[in-house]
C-alpha atoms as a PDB file:
ATOM      1  CA  MET A   1     -39.943  44.932-157.487  1.00  0.00           C
ATOM      2  CA  ASN A   2     -39.870  44.635-153.695  1.00  0.00           C
ATOM      3  CA  LEU A   3     -36.177  44.272-152.789  1.00  0.00           C
ATOM      4  CA  ASN A   4     -33.705  47.151-152.773  1.00  0.00           C
ATOM      5  CA  PRO A   5     -30.671  47.467-155.089  1.00  0.00           C
ATOM      6  CA  GLN A   6     -28.249  46.639-152.283  1.00  0.00           C
ATOM      7  CA  THR A   7     -30.024  43.321-151.696  1.00  0.00           C
ATOM      8  CA  HIS A   8     -30.015  42.579-155.421  1.00  0.00           C
ATOM      9  CA  ALA A   9     -26.241  43.115-155.503  1.00  0.00           C
ATOM     10  CA  GLU A  10     -25.679  41.002-152.385  1.00  0.00           C
ATOM     11  CA  LEU A  11     -27.694  38.069-153.719  1.00  0.00           C
ATOM     12  CA  ALA A  12     -25.941  38.320-157.090  1.00  0.00           C
ATOM     13  CA  ARG A  13     -22.589  38.020-155.321  1.00  0.00           C
ATOM     14  CA  ARG A  14     -23.821  34.875-153.560  1.00  0.00           C
ATOM     15  CA  LEU A  15     -24.760  33.357-156.929  1.00  0.00           C
ATOM     16  CA  PHE A  16     -21.452  34.340-158.506  1.00  0.00           C
ATOM     17  CA  ASP A  17     -19.577  32.676-155.635  1.00  0.00           C
ATOM     18  CA  ALA A  18     -21.832  29.598-155.716  1.00  0.00           C
ATOM     19  CA  ARG A  19     -21.076  29.101-159.408  1.00  0.00           C
ATOM     20  CA  GLN A  20     -17.338  29.417-158.781  1.00  0.00           C
ATOM     21  CA  GLN A  21     -17.292  27.190-155.703  1.00  0.00           C
ATOM     22  CA  ARG A  22     -19.978  24.675-156.818  1.00  0.00           C
ATOM     23  CA  THR A  23     -21.838  25.190-153.551  1.00  0.00           C
ATOM     24  CA  PRO A  24     -25.664  25.336-153.689  1.00  0.00           C
ATOM     25  CA  LEU A  25     -27.641  28.102-152.000  1.00  0.00           C
ATOM     26  CA  ARG A  26     -30.975  27.917-150.240  1.00  0.00           C
ATOM     27  CA  HIS A  27     -33.979  29.587-151.846  1.00  0.00           C
ATOM     28  CA  PHE A  28     -33.859  33.377-151.965  1.00  0.00           C
ATOM     29  CA  SER A  29     -37.668  33.361-151.901  1.00  0.00           C
ATOM     30  CA  ARG A  30     -37.513  31.637-148.516  1.00  0.00           C
ATOM     31  CA  GLU A  31     -35.250  34.347-147.113  1.00  0.00           C
ATOM     32  CA  PHE A  32     -37.146  37.167-148.835  1.00  0.00           C
ATOM     33  CA  PRO A  33     -40.835  36.146-149.152  1.00  0.00           C
ATOM     34  CA  ALA A  34     -41.734  39.458-150.845  1.00  0.00           C
ATOM     35  CA  MET A  35     -39.408  38.709-153.766  1.00  0.00           C
ATOM     36  CA  ASP A  36     -41.049  38.891-157.206  1.00  0.00           C
ATOM     37  CA  ILE A  37     -40.154  38.306-160.862  1.00  0.00           C
ATOM     38  CA  ALA A  38     -38.752  41.817-161.306  1.00  0.00           C
ATOM     39  CA  ASP A  39     -36.410  41.181-158.365  1.00  0.00           C
ATOM     40  CA  GLY A  40     -35.284  37.939-159.991  1.00  0.00           C
ATOM     41  CA  TYR A  41     -34.246  39.732-163.178  1.00  0.00           C
ATOM     42  CA  ALA A  42     -32.622  42.557-161.195  1.00  0.00           C
ATOM     43  CA  ILE A  43     -30.476  39.994-159.348  1.00  0.00           C
ATOM     44  CA  GLN A  44     -29.658  38.317-162.656  1.00  0.00           C
ATOM     45  CA  ARG A  45     -28.503  41.631-164.172  1.00  0.00           C
ATOM     46  CA  GLU A  46     -26.252  42.289-161.168  1.00  0.00           C
ATOM     47  CA  TRP A  47     -24.761  38.808-161.556  1.00  0.00           C
ATOM     48  CA  VAL A  48     -24.037  39.508-165.226  1.00  0.00           C
ATOM     49  CA  LYS A  49     -22.080  42.605-164.163  1.00  0.00           C
ATOM     50  CA  LEU A  50     -19.918  40.440-161.886  1.00  0.00           C
ATOM     51  CA  GLU A  51     -19.267  37.915-164.661  1.00  0.00           C
ATOM     52  CA  LEU A  52     -18.286  40.679-167.101  1.00  0.00           C
ATOM     53  CA  ALA A  53     -15.986  42.248-164.510  1.00  0.00           C
ATOM     54  CA  ALA A  54     -14.316  38.840-164.095  1.00  0.00           C
ATOM     55  CA  GLY A  55     -13.490  38.739-167.818  1.00  0.00           C
ATOM     56  CA  ARG A  56     -16.435  36.763-169.163  1.00  0.00           C
ATOM     57  CA  THR A  57     -18.352  37.794-172.283  1.00  0.00           C
ATOM     58  CA  ILE A  58     -21.950  37.259-173.368  1.00  0.00           C
ATOM     59  CA  ARG A  59     -22.332  35.024-176.434  1.00  0.00           C
ATOM     60  CA  GLY A  60     -26.101  34.944-176.552  1.00  0.00           C
ATOM     61  CA  ARG A  61     -29.256  34.231-174.606  1.00  0.00           C
ATOM     62  CA  LYS A  62     -31.403  31.339-173.480  1.00  0.00           C
ATOM     63  CA  ILE A  63     -35.155  31.063-173.178  1.00  0.00           C
ATOM     64  CA  GLY A  64     -36.698  28.706-170.649  1.00  0.00           C
ATOM     65  CA  LEU A  65     -40.113  27.571-169.429  1.00  0.00           C
ATOM     66  CA  THR A  66     -41.442  27.566-172.988  1.00  0.00           C
ATOM     67  CA  SER A  67     -43.748  24.562-172.657  1.00  0.00           C
ATOM     68  CA  ARG A  68     -47.220  24.868-171.175  1.00  0.00           C
ATOM     69  CA  ALA A  69     -46.531  22.049-168.726  1.00  0.00           C
ATOM     70  CA  MET A  70     -43.404  23.760-167.340  1.00  0.00           C
ATOM     71  CA  GLN A  71     -45.195  27.095-167.034  1.00  0.00           C
ATOM     72  CA  LEU A  72     -48.013  25.512-165.066  1.00  0.00           C
ATOM     73  CA  SER A  73     -45.607  23.673-162.770  1.00  0.00           C
ATOM     74  CA  SER A  74     -43.679  26.907-162.142  1.00  0.00           C
ATOM     75  CA  GLN A  75     -46.844  29.000-161.690  1.00  0.00           C
ATOM     76  CA  ILE A  76     -45.806  31.398-164.441  1.00  0.00           C
ATOM     77  CA  THR A  77     -47.636  32.476-167.585  1.00  0.00           C
ATOM     78  CA  GLU A  78     -44.663  33.275-169.826  1.00  0.00           C
ATOM     79  CA  PRO A  79     -41.128  31.999-170.474  1.00  0.00           C
ATOM     80  CA  ASP A  80     -38.012  33.265-168.731  1.00  0.00           C
ATOM     81  CA  PHE A  81     -34.579  34.192-170.082  1.00  0.00           C
ATOM     82  CA  ALA A  82     -30.908  34.653-169.180  1.00  0.00           C
ATOM     83  CA  PRO A  83     -27.542  35.273-170.851  1.00  0.00           C
ATOM     84  CA  LEU A  84     -25.185  32.622-172.219  1.00  0.00           C
ATOM     85  CA  MET A  85     -21.662  33.351-171.014  1.00  0.00           C
ATOM     86  CA  ASP A  86     -18.642  32.363-173.107  1.00  0.00           C
ATOM     87  CA  ASP A  87     -17.416  29.760-170.606  1.00  0.00           C
ATOM     88  CA  MET A  88     -20.696  27.832-170.832  1.00  0.00           C
ATOM     89  CA  PHE A  89     -19.945  26.462-174.327  1.00  0.00           C
ATOM     90  CA  PHE A  90     -18.635  22.897-174.717  1.00  0.00           C
ATOM     91  CA  ASP A  91     -17.567  21.017-177.846  1.00  0.00           C
ATOM     92  CA  ASN A  92     -19.650  18.301-179.435  1.00  0.00           C
ATOM     93  CA  ALA A  93     -18.212  14.777-178.963  1.00  0.00           C
ATOM     94  CA  SER A  94     -16.225  15.901-175.924  1.00  0.00           C
ATOM     95  CA  ASP A  95     -15.781  14.936-172.292  1.00  0.00           C
ATOM     96  CA  ILE A  96     -17.406  17.485-169.984  1.00  0.00           C
ATOM     97  CA  PRO A  97     -16.101  17.714-166.398  1.00  0.00           C
ATOM     98  CA  VAL A  98     -19.016  17.055-164.080  1.00  0.00           C
ATOM     99  CA  ASN A  99     -17.274  19.079-161.358  1.00  0.00           C
ATOM    100  CA  ARG A 100     -18.069  22.204-163.383  1.00  0.00           C
ATOM    101  CA  PHE A 101     -21.632  21.821-162.080  1.00  0.00           C
ATOM    102  CA  ILE A 102     -23.602  21.218-158.900  1.00  0.00           C
ATOM    103  CA  ALA A 103     -26.548  19.101-160.100  1.00  0.00           C
ATOM    104  CA  PRO A 104     -26.454  18.996-163.910  1.00  0.00           C
ATOM    105  CA  ARG A 105     -29.426  18.047-166.054  1.00  0.00           C
ATOM    106  CA  VAL A 106     -29.710  17.882-169.843  1.00  0.00           C
ATOM    107  CA  GLU A 107     -32.362  19.378-172.142  1.00  0.00           C
ATOM    108  CA  VAL A 108     -32.836  19.104-175.925  1.00  0.00           C
ATOM    109  CA  GLU A 109     -33.288  22.295-177.960  1.00  0.00           C
ATOM    110  CA  PHE A 110     -32.645  24.249-181.140  1.00  0.00           C
ATOM    111  CA  ALA A 111     -30.312  27.246-181.253  1.00  0.00           C
ATOM    112  CA  PHE A 112     -30.710  30.188-183.614  1.00  0.00           C
ATOM    113  CA  ILE A 113     -27.538  31.901-184.855  1.00  0.00           C
ATOM    114  CA  LEU A 114     -28.465  35.468-185.736  1.00  0.00           C
ATOM    115  CA  GLY A 115     -27.068  37.153-188.833  1.00  0.00           C
ATOM    116  CA  ARG A 116     -28.537  40.512-187.979  1.00  0.00           C
ATOM    117  CA  PRO A 117     -29.955  42.123-184.832  1.00  0.00           C
ATOM    118  CA  LEU A 118     -33.503  41.849-183.561  1.00  0.00           C
ATOM    119  CA  LYS A 119     -34.873  44.750-181.538  1.00  0.00           C
ATOM    120  CA  GLY A 120     -38.414  44.939-180.200  1.00  0.00           C
ATOM    121  CA  PRO A 121     -41.147  45.843-179.827  1.00  0.00           C
ATOM    122  CA  GLY A 122     -43.058  44.276-182.665  1.00  0.00           C
ATOM    123  CA  VAL A 123     -40.674  41.455-183.608  1.00  0.00           C
ATOM    124  CA  THR A 124     -42.535  38.535-185.220  1.00  0.00           C
ATOM    125  CA  LEU A 125     -41.781  34.921-186.065  1.00  0.00           C
ATOM    126  CA  PHE A 126     -41.138  35.999-189.657  1.00  0.00           C
ATOM    127  CA  ASP A 127     -38.616  38.624-188.511  1.00  0.00           C
ATOM    128  CA  VAL A 128     -36.767  35.903-186.610  1.00  0.00           C
ATOM    129  CA  LEU A 129     -36.654  33.577-189.612  1.00  0.00           C
ATOM    130  CA  ALA A 130     -35.324  36.434-191.750  1.00  0.00           C
ATOM    131  CA  ALA A 131     -32.696  37.515-189.192  1.00  0.00           C
ATOM    132  CA  ALA A 132     -31.289  34.070-188.377  1.00  0.00           C
ATOM    133  CA  ASP A 133     -28.482  32.722-190.551  1.00  0.00           C
ATOM    134  CA  TRP A 134     -28.698  29.218-189.111  1.00  0.00           C
ATOM    135  CA  VAL A 135     -30.677  26.947-186.836  1.00  0.00           C
ATOM    136  CA  THR A 136     -28.685  24.137-185.274  1.00  0.00           C
ATOM    137  CA  PRO A 137     -29.272  21.277-182.838  1.00  0.00           C
ATOM    138  CA  ALA A 138     -28.296  22.197-179.288  1.00  0.00           C
ATOM    139  CA  VAL A 139     -28.209  20.630-175.864  1.00  0.00           C
ATOM    140  CA  GLU A 140     -28.511  22.788-172.780  1.00  0.00           C
ATOM    141  CA  ILE A 141     -26.963  21.752-169.476  1.00  0.00           C
ATOM    142  CA  ILE A 142     -28.958  23.267-166.640  1.00  0.00           C
ATOM    143  CA  ASP A 143     -27.810  23.510-163.041  1.00  0.00           C
ATOM    144  CA  ALA A 144     -28.970  24.625-159.598  1.00  0.00           C
ATOM    145  CA  ARG A 145     -26.821  27.215-157.882  1.00  0.00           C
ATOM    146  CA  ILE A 146     -30.040  27.709-155.934  1.00  0.00           C
ATOM    147  CA  GLU A 147     -31.284  24.326-154.770  1.00  0.00           C
ATOM    148  CA  GLN A 148     -34.070  22.825-156.845  1.00  0.00           C
ATOM    149  CA  PHE A 149     -35.623  21.535-153.608  1.00  0.00           C
ATOM    150  CA  ASP A 150     -34.927  23.060-150.214  1.00  0.00           C
ATOM    151  CA  ARG A 151     -32.527  20.925-148.191  1.00  0.00           C
ATOM    152  CA  GLU A 152     -34.859  20.840-145.171  1.00  0.00           C
ATOM    153  CA  SER A 153     -38.453  21.451-146.232  1.00  0.00           C
ATOM    154  CA  LYS A 154     -38.017  19.788-149.680  1.00  0.00           C
ATOM    155  CA  ALA A 155     -40.182  22.586-151.102  1.00  0.00           C
ATOM    156  CA  PRO A 156     -39.457  23.363-154.788  1.00  0.00           C
ATOM    157  CA  ARG A 157     -37.789  26.647-155.622  1.00  0.00           C
ATOM    158  CA  LYS A 158     -40.003  29.391-156.973  1.00  0.00           C
ATOM    159  CA  VAL A 159     -39.669  30.867-160.433  1.00  0.00           C
ATOM    160  CA  PHE A 160     -38.135  34.006-158.874  1.00  0.00           C
ATOM    161  CA  ASP A 161     -35.270  31.839-157.616  1.00  0.00           C
ATOM    162  CA  THR A 162     -34.804  30.220-161.026  1.00  0.00           C
ATOM    163  CA  ILE A 163     -34.795  33.553-162.857  1.00  0.00           C
ATOM    164  CA  SER A 164     -32.174  35.020-160.544  1.00  0.00           C
ATOM    165  CA  ASP A 165     -30.120  31.816-161.051  1.00  0.00           C
ATOM    166  CA  PHE A 166     -29.512  32.594-164.764  1.00  0.00           C
ATOM    167  CA  ALA A 167     -32.763  30.723-165.530  1.00  0.00           C
ATOM    168  CA  ALA A 168     -30.808  27.607-164.449  1.00  0.00           C
ATOM    169  CA  ASN A 169     -28.477  27.659-167.470  1.00  0.00           C
ATOM    170  CA  ALA A 170     -24.932  26.390-167.050  1.00  0.00           C
ATOM    171  CA  GLY A 171     -23.750  24.865-170.342  1.00  0.00           C
ATOM    172  CA  ILE A 172     -24.485  24.473-174.032  1.00  0.00           C
ATOM    173  CA  VAL A 173     -23.333  22.013-176.678  1.00  0.00           C
ATOM    174  CA  LEU A 174     -23.918  22.839-180.351  1.00  0.00           C
ATOM    175  CA  GLY A 175     -23.683  20.198-183.063  1.00  0.00           C
ATOM    176  CA  GLY A 176     -25.503  18.266-185.731  1.00  0.00           C
ATOM    177  CA  ARG A 177     -26.216  19.818-189.125  1.00  0.00           C
ATOM    178  CA  PRO A 178     -26.954  23.560-189.180  1.00  0.00           C
ATOM    179  CA  VAL A 179     -29.726  24.512-191.593  1.00  0.00           C
ATOM    180  CA  ARG A 180     -31.234  27.709-192.909  1.00  0.00           C
ATOM    181  CA  PRO A 181     -34.302  28.453-190.778  1.00  0.00           C
ATOM    182  CA  THR A 182     -36.713  28.080-193.707  1.00  0.00           C
ATOM    183  CA  GLU A 183     -35.190  24.825-194.992  1.00  0.00           C
ATOM    184  CA  VAL A 184     -37.109  22.674-192.525  1.00  0.00           C
ATOM    185  CA  ASP A 185     -40.419  22.886-190.703  1.00  0.00           C
ATOM    186  CA  LEU A 186     -39.076  23.348-187.184  1.00  0.00           C
ATOM    187  CA  ARG A 187     -42.456  22.471-185.696  1.00  0.00           C
ATOM    188  CA  TRP A 188     -41.926  18.892-186.895  1.00  0.00           C
ATOM    189  CA  ALA A 189     -38.174  18.715-186.335  1.00  0.00           C
ATOM    190  CA  GLY A 190     -37.410  16.672-183.259  1.00  0.00           C
ATOM    191  CA  ALA A 191     -34.947  14.472-181.442  1.00  0.00           C
ATOM    192  CA  MET A 192     -34.438  11.347-179.361  1.00  0.00           C
ATOM    193  CA  LEU A 193     -32.244  11.634-176.279  1.00  0.00           C
ATOM    194  CA  PHE A 194     -30.253   8.535-175.268  1.00  0.00           C
ATOM    195  CA  LYS A 195     -28.565   8.298-171.882  1.00  0.00           C
ATOM    196  CA  ASN A 196     -26.064   5.461-171.556  1.00  0.00           C
ATOM    197  CA  GLY A 197     -27.596   3.840-174.626  1.00  0.00           C
ATOM    198  CA  VAL A 198     -31.173   3.939-173.327  1.00  0.00           C
ATOM    199  CA  ILE A 199     -33.730   6.282-174.845  1.00  0.00           C
ATOM    200  CA  GLU A 200     -34.935   8.686-172.153  1.00  0.00           C
ATOM    201  CA  GLU A 201     -36.801  11.473-173.950  1.00  0.00           C
ATOM    202  CA  THR A 202     -38.294  12.362-177.320  1.00  0.00           C
ATOM    203  CA  GLY A 203     -39.859  15.590-178.499  1.00  0.00           C
ATOM    204  CA  LEU A 204     -40.771  17.935-181.330  1.00  0.00           C
ATOM    205  CA  GLY A 205     -39.983  21.597-181.881  1.00  0.00           C
ATOM    206  CA  ALA A 206     -43.693  22.447-181.804  1.00  0.00           C
ATOM    207  CA  ALA A 207     -43.595  21.982-178.016  1.00  0.00           C
ATOM    208  CA  VAL A 208     -41.756  25.323-177.885  1.00  0.00           C
ATOM    209  CA  LEU A 209     -44.598  27.858-178.161  1.00  0.00           C
ATOM    210  CA  ASN A 210     -45.879  26.093-181.311  1.00  0.00           C
ATOM    211  CA  HIS A 211     -42.682  27.075-183.196  1.00  0.00           C
ATOM    212  CA  PRO A 212     -39.173  27.626-181.766  1.00  0.00           C
ATOM    213  CA  ALA A 213     -38.907  31.011-183.541  1.00  0.00           C
ATOM    214  CA  ASN A 214     -41.826  32.291-181.465  1.00  0.00           C
ATOM    215  CA  GLY A 215     -39.607  32.157-178.396  1.00  0.00           C
ATOM    216  CA  ILE A 216     -36.929  34.251-180.075  1.00  0.00           C
ATOM    217  CA  ALA A 217     -39.538  36.868-181.066  1.00  0.00           C
ATOM    218  CA  TRP A 218     -40.910  36.888-177.509  1.00  0.00           C
ATOM    219  CA  LEU A 219     -37.442  37.491-176.092  1.00  0.00           C
ATOM    220  CA  ALA A 220     -36.582  40.330-178.474  1.00  0.00           C
ATOM    221  CA  ASN A 221     -39.812  42.089-177.473  1.00  0.00           C
ATOM    222  CA  LYS A 222     -39.422  41.296-173.768  1.00  0.00           C
ATOM    223  CA  ILE A 223     -35.969  42.892-173.404  1.00  0.00           C
ATOM    224  CA  ALA A 224     -36.822  45.997-175.468  1.00  0.00           C
ATOM    225  CA  PRO A 225     -38.016  48.075-172.454  1.00  0.00           C
ATOM    226  CA  TRP A 226     -34.462  47.856-171.043  1.00  0.00           C
ATOM    227  CA  ASP A 227     -33.138  49.160-174.375  1.00  0.00           C
ATOM    228  CA  GLU A 228     -31.612  45.740-175.038  1.00  0.00           C
ATOM    229  CA  GLN A 229     -31.654  43.732-178.236  1.00  0.00           C
ATOM    230  CA  LEU A 230     -30.517  40.439-179.718  1.00  0.00           C
ATOM    231  CA  ASN A 231     -27.312  41.073-181.660  1.00  0.00           C
ATOM    232  CA  ALA A 232     -25.843  39.737-184.874  1.00  0.00           C
ATOM    233  CA  GLY A 233     -23.753  36.683-184.016  1.00  0.00           C
ATOM    234  CA  ASP A 234     -25.777  35.853-180.910  1.00  0.00           C
ATOM    235  CA  VAL A 235     -26.527  32.218-180.152  1.00  0.00           C
ATOM    236  CA  VAL A 236     -30.103  32.062-178.855  1.00  0.00           C
ATOM    237  CA  LEU A 237     -31.445  28.873-177.289  1.00  0.00           C
ATOM    238  CA  ALA A 238     -35.128  28.695-178.180  1.00  0.00           C
ATOM    239  CA  GLY A 239     -36.304  26.494-175.293  1.00  0.00           C
ATOM    240  CA  SER A 240     -36.376  22.807-174.468  1.00  0.00           C
ATOM    241  CA  PHE A 241     -38.802  20.331-175.992  1.00  0.00           C
ATOM    242  CA  THR A 242     -37.883  17.521-173.570  1.00  0.00           C
ATOM    243  CA  ARG A 243     -37.963  17.146-169.813  1.00  0.00           C
ATOM    244  CA  PRO A 244     -34.641  17.653-167.976  1.00  0.00           C
ATOM    245  CA  THR A 245     -32.601  14.444-167.640  1.00  0.00           C
ATOM    246  CA  PRO A 246     -30.248  14.183-164.622  1.00  0.00           C
ATOM    247  CA  ALA A 247     -26.558  13.453-165.165  1.00  0.00           C
ATOM    248  CA  VAL A 248     -23.661  12.213-163.041  1.00  0.00           C
ATOM    249  CA  ALA A 249     -20.029  11.396-163.744  1.00  0.00           C
ATOM    250  CA  GLY A 250     -19.770   8.561-166.276  1.00  0.00           C
ATOM    251  CA  ASP A 251     -23.070   9.264-168.009  1.00  0.00           C
ATOM    252  CA  SER A 252     -22.896   9.468-171.800  1.00  0.00           C
ATOM    253  CA  PHE A 253     -25.510  11.267-173.891  1.00  0.00           C
ATOM    254  CA  HIS A 254     -26.386  10.917-177.555  1.00  0.00           C
ATOM    255  CA  VAL A 255     -29.109  13.114-179.032  1.00  0.00           C
ATOM    256  CA  ASP A 256     -30.313  11.988-182.451  1.00  0.00           C
ATOM    257  CA  TYR A 257     -31.962  14.765-184.497  1.00  0.00           C
ATOM    258  CA  GLY A 258     -32.570  12.520-187.506  1.00  0.00           C
ATOM    259  CA  PRO A 259     -31.770  14.400-190.738  1.00  0.00           C
ATOM    260  CA  LEU A 260     -30.285  17.260-188.677  1.00  0.00           C
ATOM    261  CA  GLY A 261     -27.518  15.056-187.291  1.00  0.00           C
ATOM    262  CA  ALA A 262     -26.571  14.324-183.680  1.00  0.00           C
ATOM    263  CA  ILE A 263     -24.875  15.630-180.540  1.00  0.00           C
ATOM    264  CA  SER A 264     -22.863  13.391-178.229  1.00  0.00           C
ATOM    265  CA  PHE A 265     -20.835  13.982-175.074  1.00  0.00           C
ATOM    266  CA  ARG A 266     -19.877  12.351-171.792  1.00  0.00           C
ATOM    267  CA  PHE A 267     -19.678  13.625-168.246  1.00  0.00           C
ATOM    268  CA  THR A 268     -16.377  12.709-166.594  1.00  0.00           C
END
């Protein structure tokens, strides 16, 4: 960690305001070249404090950068994570206001609904399967309070920027048919994403660390040093198994999970 607590708090306030005002920020890593991953999480934790003070609650967590390709492109060797705030949840088969976001993109995932807590270290895939009441289809809406590409140099943001920016999460839609986590082989469960009636992406759960439950175990162990845990009732997004698909007003999305049902919504 190379930035001081005052800077962490200042940058968190910028992110909080950017989310409220839908105004993108330039890369923190450009302004503070010494910034590292620990600084990114410190900024994220300060932002969470601001959201809680404003009346928001945490309903769960998300895991990102779970695929090998995304880790290589972000120059990182492990996933990242962030909280899911209560105002990020949208109903299946609903209209979602595009003005809630800056530059929304859509990813296809599975969400685990925990029936009992998971506290690391030492949490395994089998612990996750035993602790989760349900696994359900989910779509994550990601956003860029910090610009994905710098407005002048066009350089991509660094992973430190993404981590501080709630790991890019901005919305979640749950739907389809919830199943017990051992009812299906989640490695072979997959989906087809249609945008305006055209198939854009397909993928399988195995793209998420070989099994989506591995991501949940990783997260429970990763947050343990801060004396944090995954709680009963938490919704935990396991990580995307498709590339992000951009969205604008008028775009409709239908994600077909086969025997696990479907999720549909439209940006208005």
